[in-house]
Each structure stands twice: as C-alpha cells, then as structure tokens.
Amino acid sequence: MAEQTQHESKTKLLAAALNVIRAKGYAATTVDDICHAAGLTKGSFFHHFKSKDDLALSAAAYWGVMTEGFSRPRLITIQQTRWNGCSATSISAVRFCKVSC
C-alpha cells in the first residue's frame, strides 16, 4: 500500500500547533492562534480537524513521527544531564538551558 503524503496545509497546522502550544500552553492556545501561526484560515483548520482536541492528538502523533529516530535511552540520559551549569529535568528545559544559560 502506497504511503499517502500529507496535505501541506495540514502539516503547517500541525507544526504551528506544536510551536504555539509549547509557547503558550494547551489551555491558553486558541484555534485562532494556531491558524495565525500557520498562516491559514479557520476554514482550513476545520477542513482537517474537528476541534482543537482533535488537532492536539494529531500533533502528538506528528511529533512522534518527526522524532521517531531519537532513542528513548538517549532522551532519558539528556533529561538527567546538566548543560552549561543549568540543572535540566526535561527535554524542554535542556533545550532552553542550552541556549540561554
């Protein structure tokens, strides 16, 4: 069975959702925020997703596909490492400390 390519607007929405939700948090993120970040309309959003919850589940799956090359033991090791003097307890904190500490 041939693998189906994802529509470009859907990919933009998924990427925007990951970025906006990371920055603002899920509860504070609106569909308008995601559409604005993706440069798309609400019509495009609702063409691909039934709701913000539907998008969140798809974005989590998208993140999993995008990061499937990472090995879990390596991520756990990174989570327990100090970078540039920062004590990091999560991947987000490690990324933040790597840049700002």
Foldseek 3Di string as FASTA:
>chain_A
DDDDDDDPLLVLLLVLCVVVCVVQNLVRDDPVSSCVSSVHDVVSVVVVAVGSVRSVVVSVVVVCVVCVVDDPVVQCVLCCDDDPNHGHNHPVRSVVVNPPD
